[in-house]
Protein backbone atom coordinates (compact mmCIF):
# COMPACT_ATOMS: atom_id res chain seq x y z
CA MET A 1 0.12 -0.15 -0.28
CA ALA A 2 0.97 3.52 -0.28
CA ARG A 3 2.52 5.55 2.52
CA LYS A 4 0.65 9.23 2.10
CA PRO A 5 2.71 11.97 1.57
CA ASP A 6 3.90 13.76 4.64
CA LYS A 7 2.72 16.62 5.14
CA THR A 8 5.36 17.94 6.38
CA VAL A 9 7.53 17.24 3.24
CA GLN A 10 4.57 19.05 1.05
CA LEU A 11 5.23 22.03 3.27
CA ALA A 12 8.29 21.36 2.21
CA GLU A 13 7.77 21.76 -0.80
CA LEU A 14 5.13 24.19 -1.41
CA GLN A 15 7.91 26.86 0.57
CA ARG A 16 10.08 26.05 -1.91
CA GLN A 17 8.47 26.62 -4.58
CA ARG A 18 6.78 30.00 -2.95
CA ASP A 19 10.46 31.48 -2.17
CA GLU A 20 11.55 30.52 -6.08
CA LEU A 21 8.20 32.20 -7.24
CA GLU A 22 9.18 35.74 -4.92
CA ALA A 23 13.11 35.55 -6.69
CA ALA A 24 11.59 35.74 -10.21
CA ILE A 25 9.08 38.34 -9.68
CA GLU A 26 11.76 40.66 -8.16
CA ILE A 27 13.98 39.68 -10.71
CA MET A 28 11.08 41.64 -13.01
CA ILE A 29 10.09 43.62 -11.11
CA ALA A 30 13.62 45.06 -11.33
CA ASP A 31 14.02 44.35 -14.47
CA MET A 32 10.91 46.91 -15.77
CA ALA A 33 12.29 49.95 -12.65
CA GLU A 34 15.16 50.07 -14.46
CA GLN A 35 13.20 50.49 -18.48
CA PRO A 36 12.11 54.09 -18.88
CA GLU A 37 8.78 54.63 -18.73
CA ALA A 38 8.20 55.16 -21.93
CA SER A 39 9.33 51.22 -22.79
CA ARG A 40 7.02 50.01 -20.33
CA ARG A 41 3.73 51.73 -22.23
CA GLN A 42 5.50 49.98 -25.23
CA GLY A 43 6.98 46.24 -26.44
CA VAL A 44 7.65 42.92 -23.34
CA TRP A 45 6.12 45.17 -20.26
CA ALA A 46 2.67 46.84 -22.49
CA GLU A 47 -0.40 45.99 -21.68
CA ASN A 48 -0.46 43.13 -23.50
CA GLY A 49 3.10 42.45 -23.75
CA ALA A 50 5.57 39.12 -22.95
CA SER A 51 6.34 40.27 -19.49
CA THR A 52 3.52 41.83 -17.66
CA LEU A 53 1.83 38.17 -19.22
CA ARG A 54 4.70 36.61 -17.57
CA TYR A 55 4.61 38.79 -14.37
CA LEU A 56 0.94 38.22 -13.97
CA GLU A 57 1.31 33.95 -14.53
CA LEU A 58 3.98 34.21 -11.96
CA THR A 59 1.80 36.12 -9.64
CA THR A 60 -1.41 34.01 -9.52
CA ARG A 61 0.71 31.11 -8.92
CA LEU A 62 2.57 32.76 -6.07
CA SER A 63 -1.27 32.98 -4.76
CA ASP A 64 -2.55 30.12 -5.86
CA ILE A 65 1.13 28.33 -3.60
CA GLU A 66 -0.17 30.44 -0.47
CA GLN A 67 -3.52 29.11 -0.67
CA ASP A 68 -1.73 25.65 -0.65
CA ILE A 69 0.52 26.77 2.24
CA VAL A 70 -2.44 28.00 4.38
CA ASP A 71 -4.72 24.89 3.66
CA LEU A 72 -2.36 23.17 4.94
CA THR A 73 -1.04 24.09 7.21
CA ARG A 74 -4.88 24.22 9.00
CA THR A 75 -5.20 20.47 8.31
CA MET A 76 -1.48 20.47 10.13
CA ALA A 77 -2.63 22.26 13.11
CA ALA A 78 -6.47 20.49 12.82
CA ALA A 79 -5.08 17.48 12.40
CA ALA A 80 -2.40 17.80 15.53
CA ASP A 81 -6.11 19.17 18.24
CA GLU A 82 -7.94 16.26 17.10
CA ASP A 83 -4.53 13.57 18.74
CA GLY A 84 -2.73 15.90 20.30
CA ARG A 85 0.25 14.99 18.61
CA PRO A 86 1.85 17.01 14.47
CA HIS A 87 1.71 14.66 11.23
């Protein structure tokens, strides 16, 4: 029988993914900030530009992972409350 994944391992993986996404987003923000304002209105940082779309994709994924972390943390806390020990 397959063993259930350890929730602490799942949490660590989600936190690793969150850290990677946050770093990628910070790099993108720094890149955008270096662009002249006029350049941000066209090209890759325009409303539908490649960098803007990538930024939105990353922030959406980050939001999803943050919610997964919250949900898993609540599940772990509830399980600990039920039997007095963390899972």
